């Protein structure tokens, strides 16, 4: 009897954990459940049977400055994961997003005859492109979320395959807005703004002031405005504190289904830049994107950035379809002005333009996780020839 393949997965943050969970589901389906998993992951991967080597939350650090106090602990965790891979000798290692940690692990095991696959191509085309040489030495293969990435990586000697963006299968387009409004006694004609402060504590803290000012301004001009605030469980206290200071009715929700129902119930959204902005696009919610990073991180990183937009839809369409306000432009006045426009006729225009961007992300055909599972199994099969 052929032994079950052992696939070692490493995720470092909630979005990667969700991606890993769906990949595990797709692998189980393709292999009729004849597969074993090990590695590091969060609630989604653990729900698929993964016993995490240590709590994934220890790895959720972002930014040049923010990472420094945690560097020693992160290096120790890299070595721990590499040691676990040595001990288990899996058929493949799949690191998911979190490129700095993933690179540290891959570098430590690159002498082993194990396929090293990185899922979510790092955005080297956007900033510090010279890092591709280190990346090429650390990984054998890359699974890309964006359609233009394979050409960029392949031309630089990195095996790369487009599998599609996970937002396509997130369920973000299946929210029940009518049910959400009924459940929370929101009138059908009331204007609802969906406010997403970020998925990390530092992001929430940096966005509190401009987001609050923006909502205050919109509320003054919009009688009966309701603000819904989807968040993750570990940030619910911070988001509740933010909501208590708003001049309009606010509803805080945590959890995937509630989040998508809240989006479907919304007329516009104000969101910290990240995966959630694509979910809002899938849900058909006209959106304003904003982001403030730590000042020193911004100062150090700005000269290295090589793209015009932060939002992926804007990048794909090469035009500012979704308004972006970053760093010093992220002010309450700018945000409220853009939101007010979207509450008018510009919202419908954005909604129709966004659809072509979503098609390019793999909206049609096999699901991204199924394509990713197929790629992983093909790479394993090739490695055994």
Protein backbone atom coordinates (compact mmCIF):
# COMPACT_ATOMS: atom_id res chain seq x y z
CA UNK A 1 0.00 0.00 0.00
CA UNK A 2 1.30 3.47 -0.92
CA UNK A 3 1.88 5.50 2.26
CA UNK A 4 -0.13 8.67 2.74
CA UNK A 5 1.81 11.76 1.67
CA UNK A 6 2.83 14.09 4.48
CA UNK A 7 2.56 17.77 3.60
CA UNK A 8 4.09 20.32 5.96
CA UNK A 9 2.30 23.69 5.95
CA UNK A 10 3.35 26.95 7.60
CA UNK A 11 1.02 29.95 7.89
CA UNK A 12 1.92 33.10 9.79
CA UNK A 13 -1.23 35.23 9.91
CA UNK A 14 -5.05 34.91 9.72
CA UNK A 15 -5.31 35.37 5.93
CA UNK A 16 -2.67 32.69 5.37
CA UNK A 17 -4.43 30.40 7.83
CA UNK A 18 -7.69 30.73 5.88
CA UNK A 19 -5.80 30.02 2.67
CA UNK A 20 -4.13 27.00 4.25
CA UNK A 21 -7.43 25.64 5.52
CA UNK A 22 -8.95 25.72 2.04
CA UNK A 23 -5.83 24.15 0.53
CA UNK A 24 -6.03 21.31 3.06
CA UNK A 25 -9.70 20.76 2.19
CA UNK A 26 -8.87 20.61 -1.53
CA UNK A 27 -5.97 18.20 -0.95
CA UNK A 28 -8.18 15.91 1.14
CA UNK A 29 -10.80 15.93 -1.60
CA UNK A 30 -8.28 15.11 -4.34
CA UNK A 31 -6.65 12.34 -2.29
CA UNK A 32 -9.86 10.88 -0.85
CA UNK A 33 -8.66 11.92 2.61
CA UNK A 34 -5.46 9.87 2.21
CA UNK A 35 -3.08 12.63 3.30
CA UNK A 36 -1.39 13.76 6.51
CA UNK A 37 -0.54 17.30 7.58
CA UNK A 38 1.89 18.89 10.01
CA UNK A 39 3.16 22.41 10.60
CA UNK A 40 1.97 25.75 11.95
CA UNK A 41 -1.48 27.23 11.49
CA UNK A 42 -4.45 28.89 13.11
CA UNK A 43 -8.11 28.07 13.61
CA UNK A 44 -8.93 27.23 9.98
CA UNK A 45 -6.02 24.84 9.52
CA UNK A 46 -6.59 23.30 12.92
CA UNK A 47 -10.23 22.71 11.98
CA UNK A 48 -8.86 20.59 9.11
CA UNK A 49 -6.89 18.47 11.56
CA UNK A 50 -3.55 20.29 11.85
CA UNK A 51 -1.87 20.16 15.26
CA UNK A 52 0.05 23.43 15.23
CA UNK A 53 3.66 23.20 16.39
CA UNK A 54 3.09 26.44 18.34
CA UNK A 55 0.46 29.23 18.33
CA UNK A 56 0.43 30.89 14.92
CA UNK A 57 -0.41 34.26 16.53
CA UNK A 58 3.24 34.57 17.62
CA UNK A 59 4.16 35.18 13.98
CA UNK A 60 1.59 37.91 13.21
CA UNK A 61 3.98 40.88 13.13
CA UNK A 62 4.14 43.32 10.21
CA UNK A 63 6.46 46.19 9.28
CA UNK A 64 10.17 46.95 9.35
CA UNK A 65 10.04 48.68 12.73
CA UNK A 66 7.35 46.55 14.35
CA UNK A 67 9.25 43.31 13.75
CA UNK A 68 12.49 44.37 15.48
CA UNK A 69 11.43 43.70 19.10
CA UNK A 70 10.28 40.22 18.08
CA UNK A 71 13.24 39.30 15.87
CA UNK A 72 15.00 36.96 18.30
CA UNK A 73 11.84 34.99 19.06
CA UNK A 74 10.99 34.75 15.35
CA UNK A 75 14.47 33.41 14.51
CA UNK A 76 14.05 30.78 17.23
CA UNK A 77 10.70 29.76 15.77
CA UNK A 78 12.25 29.50 12.28
CA UNK A 79 14.84 27.08 13.63
CA UNK A 80 12.17 25.14 15.52
CA UNK A 81 10.10 24.69 12.35
CA UNK A 82 13.18 23.68 10.34
CA UNK A 83 14.06 21.12 13.00
CA UNK A 84 10.53 19.71 12.91
CA UNK A 85 10.75 19.39 9.12
CA UNK A 86 14.07 17.55 9.49
CA UNK A 87 12.48 15.17 11.98
CA UNK A 88 9.36 14.44 9.91
CA UNK A 89 10.90 14.47 6.40
CA UNK A 90 7.64 15.45 4.65
CA UNK A 91 6.88 15.00 0.94
CA UNK A 92 6.65 18.78 0.51
CA UNK A 93 6.83 21.98 2.52
CA UNK A 94 4.24 24.64 1.69
CA UNK A 95 4.80 28.03 3.30
CA UNK A 96 1.83 30.38 3.02
CA UNK A 97 2.31 34.15 2.73
CA UNK A 98 4.28 35.70 5.68
CA UNK A 99 7.29 35.90 3.31
CA UNK A 100 9.95 36.93 5.85
CA UNK A 101 9.24 33.99 8.15
CA UNK A 102 8.72 31.62 5.22
CA UNK A 103 12.06 32.60 3.70
CA UNK A 104 13.81 32.04 7.03
CA UNK A 105 12.39 28.52 7.25
CA UNK A 106 13.09 27.65 3.59
CA UNK A 107 16.67 28.90 3.85
CA UNK A 108 17.29 26.57 6.78
CA UNK A 109 16.06 23.47 4.89
CA UNK A 110 17.27 24.20 1.36
CA UNK A 111 19.91 21.45 1.51
CA UNK A 112 17.17 18.84 1.96
CA UNK A 113 15.71 17.05 -1.04
CA UNK A 114 12.21 18.30 -0.24
CA UNK A 115 10.08 20.47 -2.57
CA UNK A 116 9.82 23.94 -1.05
CA UNK A 117 6.67 25.66 -2.30
CA UNK A 118 5.65 29.19 -1.39
CA UNK A 119 1.93 29.91 -1.70
CA UNK A 120 1.22 33.63 -2.33
CA UNK A 121 4.00 35.12 -4.41
CA UNK A 122 5.67 37.91 -2.44
CA UNK A 123 5.12 41.27 -4.10
CA UNK A 124 8.73 41.67 -5.17
CA UNK A 125 7.50 43.35 -8.35
CA UNK A 126 6.12 46.11 -6.11
CA UNK A 127 9.11 46.83 -3.90
CA UNK A 128 12.73 45.70 -3.46
CA UNK A 129 12.72 43.52 -6.61
CA UNK A 130 16.37 42.55 -6.13
CA UNK A 131 15.25 40.19 -3.33
CA UNK A 132 14.16 37.73 -6.02
CA UNK A 133 17.69 36.28 -6.08
CA UNK A 134 17.48 35.24 -2.41
CA UNK A 135 13.96 34.01 -2.96
CA UNK A 136 15.05 31.84 -5.92
CA UNK A 137 17.68 30.13 -3.75
CA UNK A 138 15.21 29.42 -0.95
CA UNK A 139 12.20 28.07 -2.89
CA UNK A 140 11.68 25.62 -5.75
CA UNK A 141 8.20 26.79 -6.73
CA UNK A 142 5.78 29.69 -6.24
CA UNK A 143 1.99 29.64 -6.42
CA UNK A 144 0.78 33.08 -7.52
CA UNK A 145 -2.51 34.80 -6.77
CA UNK A 146 -2.23 37.46 -9.47
CA UNK A 147 -2.31 36.85 -13.23
CA UNK A 148 0.74 38.97 -14.10
CA UNK A 149 3.05 37.39 -11.52
CA UNK A 150 4.15 34.18 -13.33
CA UNK A 151 5.71 36.13 -16.20
CA UNK A 152 7.60 38.37 -13.75
CA UNK A 153 8.97 35.47 -11.68
CA UNK A 154 9.67 33.09 -14.58
CA UNK A 155 11.70 35.78 -16.37
CA UNK A 156 13.89 35.88 -13.26
CA UNK A 157 14.39 32.13 -13.00
CA UNK A 158 11.67 31.25 -10.47
CA UNK A 159 9.16 28.50 -11.28
CA UNK A 160 5.75 30.15 -10.84
CA UNK A 161 2.16 29.13 -11.48
CA UNK A 162 -1.01 31.24 -11.33
CA UNK A 163 -3.72 29.57 -9.24
CA UNK A 164 -6.12 32.48 -8.66
CA UNK A 165 -6.96 34.67 -5.71
CA UNK A 166 -8.64 33.07 -2.66
CA UNK A 167 -11.16 35.90 -2.42
CA UNK A 168 -12.93 34.21 -5.34
CA UNK A 169 -13.99 31.35 -3.07
CA UNK A 170 -14.28 33.28 0.18
CA UNK A 171 -18.08 33.43 0.08
CA UNK A 172 -17.90 37.22 0.24
CA UNK A 173 -20.43 37.44 -2.58
CA UNK A 174 -22.95 35.24 -0.74
CA UNK A 175 -23.76 37.48 2.23
CA UNK A 176 -27.41 37.97 3.19
CA UNK A 177 -27.88 41.70 3.61
CA UNK A 178 -31.66 41.58 3.97
CA UNK A 179 -31.40 39.07 6.82
CA UNK A 180 -28.69 41.16 8.52
CA UNK A 181 -30.82 44.30 8.36
CA UNK A 182 -33.85 42.42 9.68
CA UNK A 183 -31.87 40.80 12.51
CA UNK A 184 -30.44 44.15 13.63
CA UNK A 185 -33.61 46.16 12.96
CA UNK A 186 -32.05 48.38 10.30
CA UNK A 187 -34.61 50.06 8.06
CA UNK A 188 -34.46 49.06 4.37
CA UNK A 189 -33.83 52.67 3.34
CA UNK A 190 -31.20 53.42 6.03
CA UNK A 191 -27.67 54.11 4.84
CA UNK A 192 -25.12 51.63 6.22
CA UNK A 193 -21.36 52.12 6.22
CA UNK A 194 -19.11 49.09 6.73
CA UNK A 195 -15.97 50.07 8.65
CA UNK A 196 -12.97 47.74 8.78
CA UNK A 197 -10.12 49.10 10.87
CA UNK A 198 -7.56 46.36 10.14
CA UNK A 199 -6.67 42.83 11.21
CA UNK A 200 -3.75 43.73 13.49
CA UNK A 201 -3.75 45.71 16.72
CA UNK A 202 -1.27 48.28 15.39
CA UNK A 203 -3.40 48.88 12.30
CA UNK A 204 -6.50 49.48 14.41
CA UNK A 205 -4.65 51.95 16.63
CA UNK A 206 -3.31 53.95 13.68
CA UNK A 207 -6.70 54.16 11.96
CA UNK A 208 -8.86 55.15 14.94
CA UNK A 209 -8.55 58.93 14.50
CA UNK A 210 -9.01 59.32 10.71
CA UNK A 211 -11.74 56.66 10.55
CA UNK A 212 -13.68 58.18 13.45
CA UNK A 213 -13.48 61.66 11.92
CA UNK A 214 -14.64 60.30 8.56
CA UNK A 215 -17.66 58.56 10.07
CA UNK A 216 -18.53 61.62 12.14
CA UNK A 217 -18.51 63.76 8.99
CA UNK A 218 -20.63 61.31 7.00
CA UNK A 219 -23.07 60.93 9.91
CA UNK A 220 -23.63 64.72 10.01
CA UNK A 221 -24.73 64.67 6.38
CA UNK A 222 -26.58 61.33 6.54
CA UNK A 223 -29.46 61.15 9.06
CA UNK A 224 -30.02 57.65 10.43
CA UNK A 225 -26.59 56.38 9.37
CA UNK A 226 -25.67 52.96 10.76
CA UNK A 227 -22.05 51.82 11.08
CA UNK A 228 -21.29 48.09 11.04
CA UNK A 229 -17.83 47.01 12.16
CA UNK A 230 -16.75 43.46 11.26
CA UNK A 231 -13.60 42.36 13.09
CA UNK A 232 -11.70 39.32 14.34
CA UNK A 233 -12.21 37.90 17.82
CA UNK A 234 -8.84 38.98 19.25
CA UNK A 235 -9.54 42.65 18.36
CA UNK A 236 -13.16 42.84 19.42
CA UNK A 237 -12.47 44.89 22.57
CA UNK A 238 -10.56 47.55 20.61
CA UNK A 239 -13.28 47.76 17.97
CA UNK A 240 -16.01 48.01 20.63
CA UNK A 241 -14.10 50.90 22.20
CA UNK A 242 -13.94 52.62 18.81
CA UNK A 243 -17.66 52.06 18.20
CA UNK A 244 -18.67 53.56 21.54
CA UNK A 245 -17.31 56.96 20.49
CA UNK A 246 -19.26 57.20 17.23
CA UNK A 247 -22.16 59.65 16.79
CA UNK A 248 -24.34 57.09 15.00
CA UNK A 249 -25.67 53.64 15.79
CA UNK A 250 -22.91 51.02 15.58
CA UNK A 251 -22.94 47.23 15.34
CA UNK A 252 -19.80 45.15 15.97
CA UNK A 253 -19.68 41.63 14.51
CA UNK A 254 -17.00 38.93 14.58
CA UNK A 255 -16.91 35.88 12.33
CA UNK A 256 -16.90 35.10 8.62
CA UNK A 257 -20.62 34.68 7.91
CA UNK A 258 -21.59 37.74 9.96
CA UNK A 259 -18.89 39.75 8.19
CA UNK A 260 -20.21 38.88 4.75
CA UNK A 261 -23.82 39.53 5.79
CA UNK A 262 -22.71 42.92 7.15
CA UNK A 263 -20.99 43.70 3.86
CA UNK A 264 -24.07 42.74 1.87
CA UNK A 265 -26.16 45.06 4.05
CA UNK A 266 -23.85 48.02 3.44
CA UNK A 267 -24.13 50.90 0.98
CA UNK A 268 -20.45 51.88 1.21
CA UNK A 269 -17.32 50.73 3.02
CA UNK A 270 -14.25 52.29 4.60
CA UNK A 271 -11.49 49.71 4.91
CA UNK A 272 -7.85 49.39 5.87
CA UNK A 273 -5.90 48.18 2.84
CA UNK A 274 -5.64 44.39 2.68
CA UNK A 275 -7.49 41.25 1.61
CA UNK A 276 -10.74 42.61 3.03
CA UNK A 277 -10.88 45.21 0.26
CA UNK A 278 -11.12 42.40 -2.30
CA UNK A 279 -13.88 40.78 -0.24
CA UNK A 280 -15.77 44.06 -0.40
CA UNK A 281 -15.29 44.09 -4.17
CA UNK A 282 -16.70 40.56 -4.35
CA UNK A 283 -19.65 41.68 -2.23
CA UNK A 284 -20.27 44.58 -4.60
CA UNK A 285 -19.79 47.28 -1.95
CA UNK A 286 -18.38 50.62 -3.18
CA UNK A 287 -15.24 51.11 -1.11
CA UNK A 288 -12.72 53.68 0.05
CA UNK A 289 -9.32 52.22 0.96
CA UNK A 290 -7.06 53.78 3.57
CA UNK A 291 -3.85 52.85 5.33
CA UNK A 292 -1.39 54.30 7.80
CA UNK A 293 1.77 52.41 8.67
CA UNK A 294 4.22 53.20 11.46
CA UNK A 295 6.05 56.42 10.56
CA UNK A 296 9.56 54.94 10.56
CA UNK A 297 8.39 51.93 8.53
CA UNK A 298 6.94 54.36 5.98
CA UNK A 299 10.09 56.50 5.83
CA UNK A 300 12.33 53.46 5.37
CA UNK A 301 10.03 51.70 2.92
CA UNK A 302 8.75 54.49 0.67
CA UNK A 303 11.88 54.78 -1.53
CA UNK A 304 11.70 51.04 -2.22
CA UNK A 305 8.10 50.92 -3.47
CA UNK A 306 7.75 50.42 -7.21
CA UNK A 307 3.97 50.54 -7.90
CA UNK A 308 1.35 53.25 -8.21
CA UNK A 309 -1.47 51.60 -6.25
CA UNK A 310 -1.96 49.66 -3.01
CA UNK A 311 -5.27 48.04 -3.97
CA UNK A 312 -5.07 44.98 -6.23
CA UNK A 313 -8.11 45.91 -8.31
CA UNK A 314 -6.49 49.25 -9.12
CA UNK A 315 -3.21 47.48 -9.93
CA UNK A 316 -4.86 45.04 -12.31
CA UNK A 317 -6.93 47.73 -14.04
CA UNK A 318 -4.04 50.23 -13.87
CA UNK A 319 -6.34 53.05 -12.79
CA UNK A 320 -7.71 54.37 -9.45
CA UNK A 321 -11.15 52.78 -9.63
CA UNK A 322 -11.18 52.40 -5.83
CA UNK A 323 -10.12 55.61 -4.02
CA UNK A 324 -6.94 55.14 -1.97
CA UNK A 325 -5.71 57.38 0.83
CA UNK A 326 -2.37 56.33 2.24
CA UNK A 327 -0.24 57.73 5.05
CA UNK A 328 -0.50 61.57 5.12
CA UNK A 329 -3.46 61.45 2.72
CA UNK A 330 -5.33 59.22 5.18
CA UNK A 331 -7.30 62.00 6.88
CA UNK A 332 -10.87 62.08 8.09
CA UNK A 333 -11.70 64.87 5.66
CA UNK A 334 -10.37 63.02 2.60
CA UNK A 335 -12.07 59.79 3.60
CA UNK A 336 -15.47 61.36 4.31
CA UNK A 337 -15.39 63.31 1.03
CA UNK A 338 -14.76 60.11 -0.95
CA UNK A 339 -17.41 58.17 0.98
CA UNK A 340 -20.00 60.86 0.32
CA UNK A 341 -19.31 60.61 -3.42
CA UNK A 342 -19.76 56.84 -3.32
CA UNK A 343 -23.08 57.21 -1.54
CA UNK A 344 -24.13 59.06 -4.69
CA UNK A 345 -23.81 58.03 -8.33
CA UNK A 346 -20.10 57.15 -8.20
CA UNK A 347 -20.84 54.01 -6.19
CA UNK A 348 -22.59 52.30 -9.10
CA UNK A 349 -19.78 53.27 -11.46
CA UNK A 350 -17.15 51.72 -9.18
CA UNK A 351 -19.19 48.56 -8.79
CA UNK A 352 -19.37 47.94 -12.54
CA UNK A 353 -15.68 48.68 -13.17
CA UNK A 354 -14.53 46.36 -10.40
CA UNK A 355 -16.12 43.32 -12.08
CA UNK A 356 -13.48 43.15 -14.83
CA UNK A 357 -10.73 43.20 -12.20
CA UNK A 358 -12.32 40.27 -10.38
CA UNK A 359 -12.47 38.22 -13.59
CA UNK A 360 -8.71 38.56 -13.96
CA UNK A 361 -8.26 37.12 -10.45
CA UNK A 362 -9.70 33.75 -11.52
CA UNK A 363 -13.44 34.20 -11.10
CA UNK A 364 -14.21 31.55 -13.71
CA UNK A 365 -13.23 27.85 -13.82
CA UNK A 366 -11.77 25.71 -11.02
CA UNK A 367 -11.46 27.25 -7.57
CA UNK A 368 -8.09 28.75 -6.57
CA UNK A 369 -7.63 26.22 -3.75
CA UNK A 370 -8.30 23.33 -6.13
CA UNK A 371 -5.76 24.72 -8.60
CA UNK A 372 -3.27 25.12 -5.76
CA UNK A 373 -3.85 21.54 -4.57
CA UNK A 374 -3.34 20.25 -8.11
CA UNK A 375 -0.08 22.19 -8.37
CA UNK A 376 1.24 20.89 -5.02
CA UNK A 377 0.51 17.27 -5.95
CA UNK A 378 2.11 17.66 -9.39
CA UNK A 379 5.24 19.13 -7.80
CA UNK A 380 5.41 16.22 -5.34
CA UNK A 381 4.98 13.70 -8.18
CA UNK A 382 7.74 15.36 -10.23
CA UNK A 383 10.11 15.32 -7.25
CA UNK A 384 9.80 11.54 -6.96
CA UNK A 385 10.71 10.81 -10.59
